[in-house]
Protein backbone atom coordinates (compact mmCIF):
# COMPACT_ATOMS: atom_id res chain seq x y z
CA MET A 1 -28.98 1.56 7.79
CA LYS A 2 -27.92 -0.44 4.64
CA VAL A 3 -29.08 0.95 1.50
CA ILE A 4 -27.00 -1.21 -1.06
CA THR A 5 -24.49 -4.05 -0.77
CA ILE A 6 -21.46 -4.12 -2.95
CA ALA A 7 -19.72 -7.50 -3.35
CA LEU A 8 -16.17 -7.09 -3.86
CA PRO A 9 -13.46 -9.75 -3.94
CA PRO A 10 -10.50 -9.50 -1.58
CA LEU A 11 -7.54 -7.71 -2.96
CA ARG A 12 -5.63 -11.04 -3.29
CA GLU A 13 -8.03 -11.99 -5.82
CA ARG A 14 -7.57 -8.83 -7.79
CA PRO A 15 -3.88 -8.48 -8.37
CA GLU A 16 -4.30 -6.09 -11.20
CA ASP A 17 -5.73 -3.46 -8.86
CA ILE A 18 -2.78 -3.60 -6.40
CA GLU A 19 -0.43 -1.22 -8.36
CA PRO A 20 -2.93 1.37 -9.34
CA LEU A 21 -4.13 1.42 -5.66
CA ILE A 22 -0.57 1.95 -4.57
CA GLU A 23 -0.06 4.88 -6.77
CA HIS A 24 -3.43 6.37 -5.64
CA PHE A 25 -2.35 6.01 -2.04
CA LEU A 26 1.05 7.39 -2.67
CA GLN A 27 -0.48 10.48 -4.07
CA LEU A 28 -2.95 10.79 -1.17
CA CYS A 29 -0.12 10.56 1.22
CA CYS A 30 1.82 13.49 -0.15
CA ALA A 31 -1.23 15.71 -0.89
CA GLY A 32 -0.16 19.20 0.23
CA SER A 33 3.59 18.23 0.31
CA LEU A 34 6.11 19.91 -1.95
CA GLU A 35 7.89 16.61 -2.58
CA PRO A 36 6.13 13.58 -4.06
CA LEU A 37 6.12 10.22 -2.03
CA ARG A 38 7.83 7.56 -3.94
CA MET A 39 8.24 3.75 -3.62
CA SER A 40 11.33 1.72 -4.59
CA SER A 41 11.06 -0.83 -7.24
CA ASP A 42 12.00 -3.51 -4.76
CA ALA A 43 9.36 -2.37 -2.28
CA LEU A 44 6.79 -2.10 -5.15
CA GLU A 45 7.70 -5.84 -6.18
CA LEU A 46 7.37 -6.94 -2.55
CA LEU A 47 3.81 -5.68 -2.18
CA LEU A 48 2.90 -6.99 -5.58
CA ARG A 49 3.94 -10.42 -4.54
CA TYR A 50 2.29 -10.22 -1.11
CA HIS A 51 -0.68 -12.53 -0.54
CA TRP A 52 -3.08 -9.95 0.79
CA PRO A 53 -5.30 -11.36 3.33
CA GLY A 54 -7.16 -8.14 3.95
CA ASN A 55 -8.62 -5.67 1.78
CA VAL A 56 -7.81 -2.40 0.27
CA ARG A 57 -7.77 -0.76 3.79
CA GLU A 58 -4.74 -3.00 4.72
CA LEU A 59 -3.00 -1.93 1.56
CA ARG A 60 -3.63 1.83 2.50
CA ASN A 61 -2.46 1.09 6.04
CA VAL A 62 0.85 -0.38 4.64
CA ILE A 63 1.46 2.71 2.51
CA GLN A 64 0.81 5.03 5.51
CA ARG A 65 3.19 3.06 7.67
CA GLY A 66 5.76 3.36 4.71
CA GLN A 67 5.20 7.21 4.60
CA ILE A 68 5.99 7.52 8.43
CA LEU A 69 8.97 5.43 8.30
CA CYS A 70 10.59 6.45 5.06
CA ASP A 71 13.64 8.54 4.46
CA ASP A 72 13.75 11.25 1.84
CA HIS A 73 10.22 10.67 0.73
CA GLU A 74 10.85 7.23 -0.59
CA ILE A 75 9.49 3.93 0.82
CA LEU A 76 12.18 1.29 0.67
CA GLN A 77 11.63 -2.53 0.90
CA ARG A 78 13.46 -2.70 4.24
CA ILE A 79 10.58 -0.84 5.84
CA PHE A 80 8.29 -3.74 4.98
CA LEU A 81 10.75 -6.38 5.98
CA ARG A 82 11.04 -4.93 9.47
CA GLY A 83 7.27 -5.85 9.95
CA ALA A 84 7.50 -9.18 8.17
CA GLN A 85 6.48 -11.17 11.27
CA SER A 86 3.16 -9.61 11.16
CA GLY A 87 2.81 -9.55 7.43
CA VAL A 88 4.04 -6.73 5.19
């Protein structure tokens, strides 16, 4: 059942939304944890420069992958560079 349709441009057309969304997903990923999840500045810069072909779910998945693969609660750029063949 479709009650209402909301037209939302893809993330690549809303670059100003990327950093606040990253911060939101970092907070969600560490909910219940004693130590906050952080992202290095070079990893953040990489995500800000990425041409997002997908939507917000793609960004959330990237952050979740970063959380799984990170060391010491910090997502580093090298985590994303490992998956560069298939995108970020």
